[in-house]
PDB file of N, CA and C in Angstrom:
ATOM      1  N   UNK A   1     -22.013  63.372   0.714  1.00  0.00           N
ATOM      2  CA  UNK A   1     -22.501  62.998   1.961  1.00  0.00           C
ATOM      3  C   UNK A   1     -23.471  63.855   2.592  1.00  0.00           C
ATOM      4  N   UNK A   2     -24.728  63.186   3.062  1.00  0.00           N
ATOM      5  CA  UNK A   2     -25.682  64.219   3.640  1.00  0.00           C
ATOM      6  C   UNK A   2     -25.451  63.864   5.234  1.00  0.00           C
ATOM      7  N   UNK A   3     -26.025  64.629   5.938  1.00  0.00           N
ATOM      8  CA  UNK A   3     -26.156  64.478   7.155  1.00  0.00           C
ATOM      9  C   UNK A   3     -27.480  63.929   7.883  1.00  0.00           C
ATOM     10  N   UNK A   4     -27.401  63.169   8.395  1.00  0.00           N
ATOM     11  CA  UNK A   4     -28.798  61.878   8.887  1.00  0.00           C
ATOM     12  C   UNK A   4     -29.535  62.359   9.889  1.00  0.00           C
ATOM     13  N   UNK A   5     -30.846  62.595  10.030  1.00  0.00           N
ATOM     14  CA  UNK A   5     -31.765  62.825  11.384  1.00  0.00           C
ATOM     15  C   UNK A   5     -31.543  61.771  11.270  1.00  0.00           C
ATOM     16  N   UNK A   6     -31.833  62.047  13.150  1.00  0.00           N
ATOM     17  CA  UNK A   6     -31.911  60.740  14.295  1.00  0.00           C
ATOM     18  C   UNK A   6     -32.513  61.317  15.517  1.00  0.00           C
ATOM     19  N   UNK A   7     -33.694  60.029  15.859  1.00  0.00           N
ATOM     20  CA  UNK A   7     -34.186  60.726  16.671  1.00  0.00           C
ATOM     21  C   UNK A   7     -33.333  60.267  18.263  1.00  0.00           C
ATOM     22  N   UNK A   8     -32.933  61.100  18.979  1.00  0.00           N
ATOM     23  CA  UNK A   8     -32.108  60.391  20.228  1.00  0.00           C
ATOM     24  C   UNK A   8     -32.822  60.646  21.610  1.00  0.00           C
ATOM     25  N   UNK A   9     -33.093  59.720  22.310  1.00  0.00           N
ATOM     26  CA  UNK A   9     -33.431  60.049  23.774  1.00  0.00           C
ATOM     27  C   UNK A   9     -33.042  61.406  24.217  1.00  0.00           C
ATOM     28  N   UNK A  10     -33.830  62.237  24.610  1.00  0.00           N
ATOM     29  CA  UNK A  10     -33.563  63.272  25.540  1.00  0.00           C
ATOM     30  C   UNK A  10     -33.136  64.686  24.226  1.00  0.00           C
ATOM     31  N   UNK A  11     -33.032  64.156  23.144  1.00  0.00           N
ATOM     32  CA  UNK A  11     -32.581  65.219  22.548  1.00  0.00           C
ATOM     33  C   UNK A  11     -33.204  65.712  22.271  1.00  0.00           C
ATOM     34  N   UNK A  12     -35.123  64.913  21.375  1.00  0.00           N
ATOM     35  CA  UNK A  12     -35.603  66.172  20.905  1.00  0.00           C
ATOM     36  C   UNK A  12     -35.804  65.416  19.479  1.00  0.00           C
ATOM     37  N   UNK A  13     -36.994  65.808  18.644  1.00  0.00           N
ATOM     38  CA  UNK A  13     -36.774  65.003  17.523  1.00  0.00           C
ATOM     39  C   UNK A  13     -36.052  66.080  16.785  1.00  0.00           C
ATOM     40  N   UNK A  14     -35.671  65.153  15.394  1.00  0.00           N
ATOM     41  CA  UNK A  14     -34.883  65.718  14.268  1.00  0.00           C
ATOM     42  C   UNK A  14     -33.794  66.621  14.998  1.00  0.00           C
ATOM     43  N   UNK A  15     -32.683  65.988  15.660  1.00  0.00           N
ATOM     44  CA  UNK A  15     -31.256  66.136  15.900  1.00  0.00           C
ATOM     45  C   UNK A  15     -31.028  65.545  14.808  1.00  0.00           C
ATOM     46  N   UNK A  16     -29.931  66.989  14.255  1.00  0.00           N
ATOM     47  CA  UNK A  16     -28.911  66.291  13.572  1.00  0.00           C
ATOM     48  C   UNK A  16     -27.626  65.528  13.888  1.00  0.00           C
ATOM     49  N   UNK A  17     -26.981  64.291  13.205  1.00  0.00           N
ATOM     50  CA  UNK A  17     -26.214  63.959  13.368  1.00  0.00           C
ATOM     51  C   UNK A  17     -24.880  64.004  12.545  1.00  0.00           C
ATOM     52  N   UNK A  18     -24.052  64.325  13.267  1.00  0.00           N
ATOM     53  CA  UNK A  18     -22.335  65.152  12.610  1.00  0.00           C
ATOM     54  C   UNK A  18     -21.807  63.965  11.670  1.00  0.00           C
ATOM     55  N   UNK A  19     -21.598  63.957  10.475  1.00  0.00           N
ATOM     56  CA  UNK A  19     -21.074  62.934   9.522  1.00  0.00           C
ATOM     57  C   UNK A  19     -19.976  63.854   9.164  1.00  0.00           C
ATOM     58  N   UNK A  20     -18.468  62.983   9.217  1.00  0.00           N
ATOM     59  CA  UNK A  20     -17.388  63.422   8.781  1.00  0.00           C
ATOM     60  C   UNK A  20     -16.464  62.178   7.999  1.00  0.00           C
ATOM     61  N   UNK A  21     -17.233  61.931   6.353  1.00  0.00           N
ATOM     62  CA  UNK A  21     -16.885  60.770   5.668  1.00  0.00           C
ATOM     63  C   UNK A  21     -16.254  61.319   4.597  1.00  0.00           C
ATOM     64  N   UNK A  22     -15.368  60.939   4.182  1.00  0.00           N
ATOM     65  CA  UNK A  22     -14.276  61.233   2.615  1.00  0.00           C
ATOM     66  C   UNK A  22     -14.197  60.018   1.852  1.00  0.00           C
ATOM     67  N   UNK A  23     -14.706  60.104   0.722  1.00  0.00           N
ATOM     68  CA  UNK A  23     -14.407  58.558  -0.070  1.00  0.00           C
ATOM     69  C   UNK A  23     -13.884  59.644  -1.639  1.00  0.00           C
ATOM     70  N   UNK A  24     -12.733  59.590  -2.011  1.00  0.00           N
ATOM     71  CA  UNK A  24     -12.390  59.752  -3.183  1.00  0.00           C
ATOM     72  C   UNK A  24     -11.336  58.591  -4.182  1.00  0.00           C
ATOM     73  N   UNK A  25     -11.515  58.762  -5.104  1.00  0.00           N
ATOM     74  CA  UNK A  25     -10.921  57.985  -6.253  1.00  0.00           C
ATOM     75  C   UNK A  25     -10.253  59.225  -7.324  1.00  0.00           C
ATOM     76  N   UNK A  26      -9.158  58.771  -7.512  1.00  0.00           N
ATOM     77  CA  UNK A  26      -8.648  59.698  -8.281  1.00  0.00           C
ATOM     78  C   UNK A  26      -7.024  59.268  -8.154  1.00  0.00           C
ATOM     79  N   UNK A  27      -5.996  59.885  -9.274  1.00  0.00           N
ATOM     80  CA  UNK A  27      -4.945  59.640  -9.461  1.00  0.00           C
ATOM     81  C   UNK A  27      -3.702  60.226  -8.647  1.00  0.00           C
ATOM     82  N   UNK A  28      -2.563  59.377  -8.071  1.00  0.00           N
ATOM     83  CA  UNK A  28      -1.727  60.142  -7.370  1.00  0.00           C
ATOM     84  C   UNK A  28      -0.878  60.533  -8.058  1.00  0.00           C
ATOM     85  N   UNK A  29      -0.712  62.204  -7.521  1.00  0.00           N
ATOM     86  CA  UNK A  29       0.197  63.412  -8.691  1.00  0.00           C
ATOM     87  C   UNK A  29       1.563  62.773  -8.411  1.00  0.00           C
ATOM     88  N   UNK A  30       2.215  62.501  -7.391  1.00  0.00           N
ATOM     89  CA  UNK A  30       3.354  62.338  -7.204  1.00  0.00           C
ATOM     90  C   UNK A  30       3.588  61.018  -6.369  1.00  0.00           C
ATOM     91  N   UNK A  31       5.004  60.630  -6.222  1.00  0.00           N
ATOM     92  CA  UNK A  31       4.952  59.253  -5.252  1.00  0.00           C
ATOM     93  C   UNK A  31       4.875  59.679  -3.528  1.00  0.00           C
ATOM     94  N   UNK A  32       4.087  58.989  -3.290  1.00  0.00           N
ATOM     95  CA  UNK A  32       4.171  59.162  -1.926  1.00  0.00           C
ATOM     96  C   UNK A  32       5.316  59.483  -0.569  1.00  0.00           C
ATOM     97  N   UNK A  33       5.371  60.168  -0.102  1.00  0.00           N
ATOM     98  CA  UNK A  33       6.277  60.593   1.087  1.00  0.00           C
ATOM     99  C   UNK A  33       6.434  60.553   2.560  1.00  0.00           C
ATOM    100  N   UNK A  34       7.103  59.260   3.031  1.00  0.00           N
ATOM    101  CA  UNK A  34       7.160  59.406   4.365  1.00  0.00           C
ATOM    102  C   UNK A  34       7.929  60.517   4.872  1.00  0.00           C
ATOM    103  N   UNK A  35       7.194  61.287   6.272  1.00  0.00           N
ATOM    104  CA  UNK A  35       7.468  62.139   7.005  1.00  0.00           C
ATOM    105  C   UNK A  35       7.848  61.723   8.280  1.00  0.00           C
ATOM    106  N   UNK A  36       9.107  61.796   9.359  1.00  0.00           N
ATOM    107  CA  UNK A  36       8.790  61.458  10.845  1.00  0.00           C
ATOM    108  C   UNK A  36       9.072  62.607  11.454  1.00  0.00           C
ATOM    109  N   UNK A  37       8.054  62.977  12.360  1.00  0.00           N
ATOM    110  CA  UNK A  37       7.730  64.257  13.004  1.00  0.00           C
ATOM    111  C   UNK A  37       8.978  64.229  13.982  1.00  0.00           C
ATOM    112  N   UNK A  38       8.843  65.527  14.870  1.00  0.00           N
ATOM    113  CA  UNK A  38      10.090  65.235  15.773  1.00  0.00           C
ATOM    114  C   UNK A  38       9.398  64.907  17.145  1.00  0.00           C
ATOM    115  N   UNK A  39       7.952  64.317  16.984  1.00  0.00           N
ATOM    116  CA  UNK A  39       7.438  63.166  17.989  1.00  0.00           C
ATOM    117  C   UNK A  39       7.708  62.111  17.768  1.00  0.00           C
ATOM    118  N   UNK A  40       8.904  61.568  16.662  1.00  0.00           N
ATOM    119  CA  UNK A  40       9.165  60.369  16.113  1.00  0.00           C
ATOM    120  C   UNK A  40       7.885  59.465  15.655  1.00  0.00           C
ATOM    121  N   UNK A  41       6.877  60.108  15.560  1.00  0.00           N
ATOM    122  CA  UNK A  41       5.736  59.837  14.735  1.00  0.00           C
ATOM    123  C   UNK A  41       6.150  59.737  13.392  1.00  0.00           C
ATOM    124  N   UNK A  42       5.339  58.977  12.626  1.00  0.00           N
ATOM    125  CA  UNK A  42       5.437  58.397  11.244  1.00  0.00           C
ATOM    126  C   UNK A  42       4.327  58.531  10.257  1.00  0.00           C
ATOM    127  N   UNK A  43       3.965  59.309   9.326  1.00  0.00           N
ATOM    128  CA  UNK A  43       3.324  60.054   8.723  1.00  0.00           C
ATOM    129  C   UNK A  43       3.684  60.003   6.902  1.00  0.00           C
ATOM    130  N   UNK A  44       2.701  59.289   5.807  1.00  0.00           N
ATOM    131  CA  UNK A  44       2.733  59.540   4.401  1.00  0.00           C
ATOM    132  C   UNK A  44       1.962  60.524   4.108  1.00  0.00           C
ATOM    133  N   UNK A  45       2.223  61.317   3.385  1.00  0.00           N
ATOM    134  CA  UNK A  45       1.817  61.954   2.719  1.00  0.00           C
ATOM    135  C   UNK A  45       1.819  62.038   1.139  1.00  0.00           C
ATOM    136  N   UNK A  46       0.626  62.330   0.667  1.00  0.00           N
ATOM    137  CA  UNK A  46       0.667  62.207  -1.163  1.00  0.00           C
ATOM    138  C   UNK A  46      -0.647  63.270  -1.361  1.00  0.00           C
ATOM    139  N   UNK A  47      -0.835  63.014  -2.455  1.00  0.00           N
ATOM    140  CA  UNK A  47      -1.952  64.411  -3.105  1.00  0.00           C
ATOM    141  C   UNK A  47      -2.880  63.426  -4.015  1.00  0.00           C
ATOM    142  N   UNK A  48      -4.163  63.180  -3.695  1.00  0.00           N
ATOM    143  CA  UNK A  48      -5.268  62.694  -4.795  1.00  0.00           C
ATOM    144  C   UNK A  48      -5.469  63.815  -5.837  1.00  0.00           C
ATOM    145  N   UNK A  49      -5.706  63.596  -7.099  1.00  0.00           N
ATOM    146  CA  UNK A  49      -6.316  64.506  -8.020  1.00  0.00           C
ATOM    147  C   UNK A  49      -7.323  64.027  -8.744  1.00  0.00           C
ATOM    148  N   UNK A  50      -8.641  64.732  -8.266  1.00  0.00           N
ATOM    149  CA  UNK A  50      -9.932  63.967  -8.807  1.00  0.00           C
ATOM    150  C   UNK A  50     -10.620  64.947  -9.427  1.00  0.00           C
ATOM    151  N   UNK A  51     -11.190  64.110 -10.691  1.00  0.00           N
ATOM    152  CA  UNK A  51     -11.901  65.544 -11.509  1.00  0.00           C
ATOM    153  C   UNK A  51     -13.197  66.205 -10.940  1.00  0.00           C
ATOM    154  N   UNK A  52     -13.511  67.443 -10.888  1.00  0.00           N
ATOM    155  CA  UNK A  52     -14.781  67.974 -10.054  1.00  0.00           C
ATOM    156  C   UNK A  52     -16.000  67.664 -11.504  1.00  0.00           C
ATOM    157  N   UNK A  53     -16.738  67.112 -10.553  1.00  0.00           N
ATOM    158  CA  UNK A  53     -18.082  66.631 -10.587  1.00  0.00           C
ATOM    159  C   UNK A  53     -19.464  67.907 -10.513  1.00  0.00           C
ATOM    160  N   UNK A  54     -20.366  67.718 -10.684  1.00  0.00           N
ATOM    161  CA  UNK A  54     -21.330  68.623 -10.480  1.00  0.00           C
ATOM    162  C   UNK A  54     -21.285  70.104 -11.614  1.00  0.00           C
ATOM    163  N   UNK A  55     -22.579  71.298 -10.986  1.00  0.00           N
ATOM    164  CA  UNK A  55     -22.022  72.443 -11.434  1.00  0.00           C
ATOM    165  C   UNK A  55     -20.928  73.099 -10.930  1.00  0.00           C
ATOM    166  N   UNK A  56     -20.341  73.689 -11.618  1.00  0.00           N
ATOM    167  CA  UNK A  56     -18.930  74.305 -11.177  1.00  0.00           C
ATOM    168  C   UNK A  56     -18.901  75.714 -11.368  1.00  0.00           C
ATOM    169  N   UNK A  57     -20.231  76.186 -11.702  1.00  0.00           N
ATOM    170  CA  UNK A  57     -20.400  77.580 -11.643  1.00  0.00           C
ATOM    171  C   UNK A  57     -19.412  78.122 -12.329  1.00  0.00           C
ATOM    172  N   UNK A  58     -19.025  79.424 -11.905  1.00  0.00           N
ATOM    173  CA  UNK A  58     -17.725  80.306 -12.887  1.00  0.00           C
ATOM    174  C   UNK A  58     -16.660  79.638 -13.378  1.00  0.00           C
ATOM    175  N   UNK A  59     -15.990  78.590 -12.323  1.00  0.00           N
ATOM    176  CA  UNK A  59     -14.531  77.880 -12.005  1.00  0.00           C
ATOM    177  C   UNK A  59     -14.487  77.242 -13.424  1.00  0.00           C
ATOM    178  N   UNK A  60     -13.000  77.795 -13.985  1.00  0.00           N
ATOM    179  CA  UNK A  60     -12.625  77.299 -15.200  1.00  0.00           C
ATOM    180  C   UNK A  60     -11.587  76.057 -14.383  1.00  0.00           C
ATOM    181  N   UNK A  61     -11.921  75.334 -12.990  1.00  0.00           N
ATOM    182  CA  UNK A  61     -11.207  74.268 -12.659  1.00  0.00           C
ATOM    183  C   UNK A  61     -11.904  73.267 -13.333  1.00  0.00           C
ATOM    184  N   UNK A  62     -11.229  71.937 -13.543  1.00  0.00           N
ATOM    185  CA  UNK A  62     -11.764  71.082 -13.687  1.00  0.00           C
ATOM    186  C   UNK A  62     -11.283  69.575 -12.746  1.00  0.00           C
ATOM    187  N   UNK A  63     -10.415  70.007 -11.874  1.00  0.00           N
ATOM    188  CA  UNK A  63      -9.822  68.921 -11.315  1.00  0.00           C
ATOM    189  C   UNK A  63      -9.422  69.598  -9.812  1.00  0.00           C
ATOM    190  N   UNK A  64      -9.356  69.135  -8.515  1.00  0.00           N
ATOM    191  CA  UNK A  64      -9.217  69.232  -7.067  1.00  0.00           C
ATOM    192  C   UNK A  64      -7.859  68.378  -6.900  1.00  0.00           C
ATOM    193  N   UNK A  65      -6.832  68.743  -6.086  1.00  0.00           N
ATOM    194  CA  UNK A  65      -5.587  68.178  -5.797  1.00  0.00           C
ATOM    195  C   UNK A  65      -6.061  68.332  -4.291  1.00  0.00           C
ATOM    196  N   UNK A  66      -6.194  67.255  -3.605  1.00  0.00           N
ATOM    197  CA  UNK A  66      -6.392  66.602  -2.440  1.00  0.00           C
ATOM    198  C   UNK A  66      -5.481  66.457  -1.494  1.00  0.00           C
ATOM    199  N   UNK A  67      -5.128  66.942  -0.439  1.00  0.00           N
ATOM    200  CA  UNK A  67      -3.593  66.405   0.848  1.00  0.00           C
ATOM    201  C   UNK A  67      -4.408  65.097   0.940  1.00  0.00           C
ATOM    202  N   UNK A  68      -3.749  64.277   1.333  1.00  0.00           N
ATOM    203  CA  UNK A  68      -3.899  62.983   2.123  1.00  0.00           C
ATOM    204  C   UNK A  68      -2.825  62.722   3.399  1.00  0.00           C
ATOM    205  N   UNK A  69      -3.327  62.327   4.534  1.00  0.00           N
ATOM    206  CA  UNK A  69      -1.902  61.535   5.175  1.00  0.00           C
ATOM    207  C   UNK A  69      -2.487  60.616   5.895  1.00  0.00           C
ATOM    208  N   UNK A  70      -1.731  59.419   5.747  1.00  0.00           N
ATOM    209  CA  UNK A  70      -1.982  58.275   6.550  1.00  0.00           C
ATOM    210  C   UNK A  70      -0.852  57.850   7.622  1.00  0.00           C
ATOM    211  N   UNK A  71      -1.778  57.814   8.612  1.00  0.00           N
ATOM    212  CA  UNK A  71      -1.050  57.413  10.049  1.00  0.00           C
ATOM    213  C   UNK A  71      -1.290  56.471  10.613  1.00  0.00           C
ATOM    214  N   UNK A  72      -1.919  55.370  10.194  1.00  0.00           N
ATOM    215  CA  UNK A  72      -2.380  54.074  11.063  1.00  0.00           C
ATOM    216  C   UNK A  72      -1.243  53.274  10.271  1.00  0.00           C
ATOM    217  N   UNK A  73      -0.695  52.047  10.806  1.00  0.00           N
ATOM    218  CA  UNK A  73       0.604  51.293  10.292  1.00  0.00           C
ATOM    219  C   UNK A  73      -0.122  50.528   9.064  1.00  0.00           C
ATOM    220  N   UNK A  74      -1.431  50.186   9.244  1.00  0.00           N
ATOM    221  CA  UNK A  74      -1.615  49.074   7.987  1.00  0.00           C
ATOM    222  C   UNK A  74      -1.984  50.000   6.529  1.00  0.00           C
ATOM    223  N   UNK A  75      -2.436  51.413   6.937  1.00  0.00           N
ATOM    224  CA  UNK A  75      -2.504  52.069   5.944  1.00  0.00           C
ATOM    225  C   UNK A  75      -1.049  52.286   5.402  1.00  0.00           C
ATOM    226  N   UNK A  76      -0.179  52.770   6.285  1.00  0.00           N
ATOM    227  CA  UNK A  76       1.350  53.186   6.075  1.00  0.00           C
ATOM    228  C   UNK A  76       1.738  52.439   4.860  1.00  0.00           C
ATOM    229  N   UNK A  77       1.380  50.789   5.471  1.00  0.00           N
ATOM    230  CA  UNK A  77       2.439  49.850   4.712  1.00  0.00           C
ATOM    231  C   UNK A  77       1.474  49.677   3.376  1.00  0.00           C
ATOM    232  N   UNK A  78       0.254  50.117   3.138  1.00  0.00           N
ATOM    233  CA  UNK A  78       0.288  50.234   1.845  1.00  0.00           C
ATOM    234  C   UNK A  78       0.168  51.152   0.699  1.00  0.00           C
ATOM    235  N   UNK A  79       0.330  52.327   1.169  1.00  0.00           N
ATOM    236  CA  UNK A  79       0.929  53.905   0.683  1.00  0.00           C
ATOM    237  C   UNK A  79       2.166  53.556   0.420  1.00  0.00           C
ATOM    238  N   UNK A  80       2.890  52.909   1.223  1.00  0.00           N
ATOM    239  CA  UNK A  80       4.461  52.790   0.624  1.00  0.00           C
ATOM    240  C   UNK A  80       4.906  51.993  -0.748  1.00  0.00           C
ATOM    241  N   UNK A  81       3.703  51.852  -1.359  1.00  0.00           N
ATOM    242  CA  UNK A  81       4.123  50.478  -2.377  1.00  0.00           C
ATOM    243  C   UNK A  81       3.371  51.807  -3.810  1.00  0.00           C
ATOM    244  N   UNK A  82       2.744  52.976  -3.378  1.00  0.00           N
ATOM    245  CA  UNK A  82       1.531  53.112  -4.103  1.00  0.00           C
ATOM    246  C   UNK A  82       2.896  54.073  -5.048  1.00  0.00           C
ATOM    247  N   UNK A  83       2.489  54.510  -6.398  1.00  0.00           N
ATOM    248  CA  UNK A  83       3.735  55.317  -7.492  1.00  0.00           C
ATOM    249  C   UNK A  83       2.699  56.684  -7.752  1.00  0.00           C
ATOM    250  N   UNK A  84       3.448  57.225  -8.489  1.00  0.00           N
ATOM    251  CA  UNK A  84       2.661  58.402  -9.190  1.00  0.00           C
ATOM    252  C   UNK A  84       2.160  57.823 -10.251  1.00  0.00           C
ATOM    253  N   UNK A  85       0.828  58.240 -10.524  1.00  0.00           N
ATOM    254  CA  UNK A  85      -0.178  57.712 -11.530  1.00  0.00           C
ATOM    255  C   UNK A  85      -0.979  56.520 -11.131  1.00  0.00           C
ATOM    256  N   UNK A  86      -0.737  56.160  -9.843  1.00  0.00           N
ATOM    257  CA  UNK A  86      -1.728  54.841  -9.836  1.00  0.00           C
ATOM    258  C   UNK A  86      -3.113  55.622  -9.643  1.00  0.00           C
ATOM    259  N   UNK A  87      -3.622  55.115  -9.954  1.00  0.00           N
ATOM    260  CA  UNK A  87      -5.717  55.389  -9.915  1.00  0.00           C
ATOM    261  C   UNK A  87      -5.950  54.703  -8.320  1.00  0.00           C
ATOM    262  N   UNK A  88      -6.111  55.116  -7.006  1.00  0.00           N
ATOM    263  CA  UNK A  88      -6.665  55.000  -5.888  1.00  0.00           C
ATOM    264  C   UNK A  88      -7.652  54.864  -5.518  1.00  0.00           C
ATOM    265  N   UNK A  89      -8.219  54.530  -4.581  1.00  0.00           N
ATOM    266  CA  UNK A  89      -9.466  54.889  -3.496  1.00  0.00           C
ATOM    267  C   UNK A  89      -8.954  54.748  -2.414  1.00  0.00           C
ATOM    268  N   UNK A  90      -9.543  56.277  -1.658  1.00  0.00           N
ATOM    269  CA  UNK A  90      -8.905  56.486  -0.120  1.00  0.00           C
ATOM    270  C   UNK A  90     -10.083  56.691   0.474  1.00  0.00           C
ATOM    271  N   UNK A  91     -10.480  56.148   1.636  1.00  0.00           N
ATOM    272  CA  UNK A  91     -11.710  56.627   2.707  1.00  0.00           C
ATOM    273  C   UNK A  91     -10.818  56.956   4.135  1.00  0.00           C
ATOM    274  N   UNK A  92     -11.409  58.146   4.391  1.00  0.00           N
ATOM    275  CA  UNK A  92     -10.833  58.513   5.724  1.00  0.00           C
ATOM    276  C   UNK A  92     -12.052  60.393   6.066  1.00  0.00           C
ATOM    277  N   UNK A  93     -11.634  60.714   6.923  1.00  0.00           N
ATOM    278  CA  UNK A  93     -12.348  62.266   7.214  1.00  0.00           C
ATOM    279  C   UNK A  93     -11.032  63.503   6.868  1.00  0.00           C
ATOM    280  N   UNK A  94     -11.817  64.486   6.826  1.00  0.00           N
ATOM    281  CA  UNK A  94     -11.529  65.969   6.690  1.00  0.00           C
ATOM    282  C   UNK A  94     -11.088  66.015   8.227  1.00  0.00           C
ATOM    283  N   UNK A  95      -9.554  66.332   8.444  1.00  0.00           N
ATOM    284  CA  UNK A  95      -8.969  67.022   9.368  1.00  0.00           C
ATOM    285  C   UNK A  95      -8.346  68.417   9.574  1.00  0.00           C
ATOM    286  N   UNK A  96      -7.918  69.210  10.493  1.00  0.00           N
ATOM    287  CA  UNK A  96      -7.308  70.326  10.232  1.00  0.00           C
ATOM    288  C   UNK A  96      -6.605  70.271  11.399  1.00  0.00           C
ATOM    289  N   UNK A  97      -5.552  69.903  10.957  1.00  0.00           N
ATOM    290  CA  UNK A  97      -4.054  70.168  11.585  1.00  0.00           C
ATOM    291  C   UNK A  97      -3.303  71.553  11.984  1.00  0.00           C
ATOM    292  N   UNK A  98      -2.826  71.490  13.165  1.00  0.00           N
ATOM    293  CA  UNK A  98      -1.958  72.612  13.472  1.00  0.00           C
ATOM    294  C   UNK A  98      -0.782  72.135  13.774  1.00  0.00           C
ATOM    295  N   UNK A  99       0.338  73.040  13.431  1.00  0.00           N
ATOM    296  CA  UNK A  99       1.941  72.946  13.429  1.00  0.00           C
ATOM    297  C   UNK A  99       2.746  74.265  13.527  1.00  0.00           C
ATOM    298  N   UNK A 100       3.762  73.834  13.723  1.00  0.00           N
ATOM    299  CA  UNK A 100       4.601  75.177  14.098  1.00  0.00           C
ATOM    300  C   UNK A 100       5.730  75.265  12.909  1.00  0.00           C
ATOM    301  N   UNK A 101       6.038  76.698  12.252  1.00  0.00           N
ATOM    302  CA  UNK A 101       7.015  76.555  10.982  1.00  0.00           C
ATOM    303  C   UNK A 101       7.855  77.690  11.675  1.00  0.00           C
ATOM    304  N   UNK A 102       8.449  77.930  10.976  1.00  0.00           N
ATOM    305  CA  UNK A 102       9.797  79.064  11.291  1.00  0.00           C
ATOM    306  C   UNK A 102       9.049  80.286  11.175  1.00  0.00           C
ATOM    307  N   UNK A 103       7.922  80.464  10.280  1.00  0.00           N
ATOM    308  CA  UNK A 103       7.109  81.739  10.394  1.00  0.00           C
ATOM    309  C   UNK A 103       6.423  81.809  11.636  1.00  0.00           C
ATOM    310  N   UNK A 104       5.942  80.644  12.408  1.00  0.00           N
ATOM    311  CA  UNK A 104       4.687  80.796  13.438  1.00  0.00           C
ATOM    312  C   UNK A 104       3.930  79.636  13.158  1.00  0.00           C
ATOM    313  N   UNK A 105       2.584  79.879  14.006  1.00  0.00           N
ATOM    314  CA  UNK A 105       1.842  78.419  13.685  1.00  0.00           C
ATOM    315  C   UNK A 105       1.197  78.941  12.053  1.00  0.00           C
ATOM    316  N   UNK A 106       1.054  77.388  11.875  1.00  0.00           N
ATOM    317  CA  UNK A 106       0.451  77.072  10.464  1.00  0.00           C
ATOM    318  C   UNK A 106      -0.629  75.892  10.658  1.00  0.00           C
ATOM    319  N   UNK A 107      -1.521  75.491   9.479  1.00  0.00           N
ATOM    320  CA  UNK A 107      -2.372  74.644   9.723  1.00  0.00           C
ATOM    321  C   UNK A 107      -2.825  74.183   8.123  1.00  0.00           C
ATOM    322  N   UNK A 108      -3.100  72.955   7.853  1.00  0.00           N
ATOM    323  CA  UNK A 108      -3.730  72.434   6.981  1.00  0.00           C
ATOM    324  C   UNK A 108      -5.023  71.925   6.885  1.00  0.00           C
ATOM    325  N   UNK A 109      -5.805  71.784   5.811  1.00  0.00           N
ATOM    326  CA  UNK A 109      -6.872  70.737   5.796  1.00  0.00           C
ATOM    327  C   UNK A 109      -6.339  69.500   5.176  1.00  0.00           C
ATOM    328  N   UNK A 110      -6.765  68.316   5.606  1.00  0.00           N
ATOM    329  CA  UNK A 110      -6.163  67.364   4.635  1.00  0.00           C
ATOM    330  C   UNK A 110      -7.116  66.159   5.265  1.00  0.00           C
ATOM    331  N   UNK A 111      -7.193  64.706   4.259  1.00  0.00           N
ATOM    332  CA  UNK A 111      -7.995  63.788   4.415  1.00  0.00           C
ATOM    333  C   UNK A 111      -7.055  62.669   5.376  1.00  0.00           C
ATOM    334  N   UNK A 112      -7.591  62.321   6.203  1.00  0.00           N
ATOM    335  CA  UNK A 112      -6.711  61.232   7.362  1.00  0.00           C
ATOM    336  C   UNK A 112      -7.519  60.313   7.161  1.00  0.00           C
ATOM    337  N   UNK A 113      -6.809  59.568   6.123  1.00  0.00           N
ATOM    338  CA  UNK A 113      -6.880  58.150   5.689  1.00  0.00           C
ATOM    339  C   UNK A 113      -6.947  57.066   6.392  1.00  0.00           C
ATOM    340  N   UNK A 114      -8.406  56.737   6.454  1.00  0.00           N
ATOM    341  CA  UNK A 114      -8.310  55.095   7.342  1.00  0.00           C
ATOM    342  C   UNK A 114      -8.342  53.702   6.762  1.00  0.00           C
ATOM    343  N   UNK A 115      -8.593  53.881   5.127  1.00  0.00           N
ATOM    344  CA  UNK A 115      -8.531  53.178   4.164  1.00  0.00           C
ATOM    345  C   UNK A 115      -7.826  53.532   2.786  1.00  0.00           C
ATOM    346  N   UNK A 116      -7.670  52.366   2.187  1.00  0.00           N
ATOM    347  CA  UNK A 116      -6.787  52.736   0.886  1.00  0.00           C
ATOM    348  C   UNK A 116      -6.570  51.421  -0.162  1.00  0.00           C
ATOM    349  N   UNK A 117      -6.744  51.810  -1.247  1.00  0.00           N
ATOM    350  CA  UNK A 117      -6.407  50.764  -2.091  1.00  0.00           C
ATOM    351  C   UNK A 117      -6.035  51.306  -3.601  1.00  0.00           C
ATOM    352  N   UNK A 118      -5.459  50.143  -4.463  1.00  0.00           N
ATOM    353  CA  UNK A 118      -5.240  50.862  -5.563  1.00  0.00           C
ATOM    354  C   UNK A 118      -5.843  49.953  -6.600  1.00  0.00           C
ATOM    355  N   UNK A 119      -6.573  51.262  -7.635  1.00  0.00           N
ATOM    356  CA  UNK A 119      -7.578  50.482  -8.560  1.00  0.00           C
ATOM    357  C   UNK A 119      -7.142  50.026  -9.510  1.00  0.00           C
ATOM    358  N   UNK A 120      -5.974  50.957 -10.010  1.00  0.00           N
ATOM    359  CA  UNK A 120      -5.373  50.637 -11.583  1.00  0.00           C
ATOM    360  C   UNK A 120      -3.736  50.992 -11.519  1.00  0.00           C
ATOM    361  N   UNK A 121      -2.720  49.982 -11.717  1.00  0.00           N
ATOM    362  CA  UNK A 121      -1.412  51.101 -11.725  1.00  0.00           C
ATOM    363  C   UNK A 121      -1.018  51.852 -12.507  1.00  0.00           C
ATOM    364  N   UNK A 122      -0.016  52.787 -12.173  1.00  0.00           N
ATOM    365  CA  UNK A 122      -0.012  53.369 -13.380  1.00  0.00           C
ATOM    366  C   UNK A 122       1.080  52.888 -14.648  1.00  0.00           C
ATOM    367  N   UNK A 123       0.954  53.003 -15.609  1.00  0.00           N
ATOM    368  CA  UNK A 123       1.517  52.562 -17.033  1.00  0.00           C
ATOM    369  C   UNK A 123       2.924  52.739 -16.691  1.00  0.00           C
ATOM    370  N   UNK A 124       3.502  53.678 -16.342  1.00  0.00           N
ATOM    371  CA  UNK A 124       4.708  54.004 -16.505  1.00  0.00           C
ATOM    372  C   UNK A 124       5.445  53.363 -14.867  1.00  0.00           C
ATOM    373  N   UNK A 125       6.194  52.862 -15.041  1.00  0.00           N
ATOM    374  CA  UNK A 125       7.423  52.238 -13.489  1.00  0.00           C
ATOM    375  C   UNK A 125       6.924  50.811 -13.531  1.00  0.00           C
TER     376      UNK A 125
END
């Protein structure tokens, strides 16, 4: 997605509006897992494998495996029924999440899923 140019009062011409939108269509690489955090919050975690498109340059990698997290109740209920091999479409935004580990502070970038659906069920299962 590209940034949009918007005119806003007081901001002057050519102000750039930030956009953080993600849409993935790909295969679930392993069954989604529910994780209960120390806070008591629940999140479903899963990985979507998507083929690389466009000019890959010198990279020989043909796919990307992208970490996804479902926090809202509606999305968590949907993800709970997904299986390894299902082809899904997810929408959301990129987030960088910070957390503590035994080795100290850590972070990860993941897609915070706000919507999702199964496009095709896996043939196994």
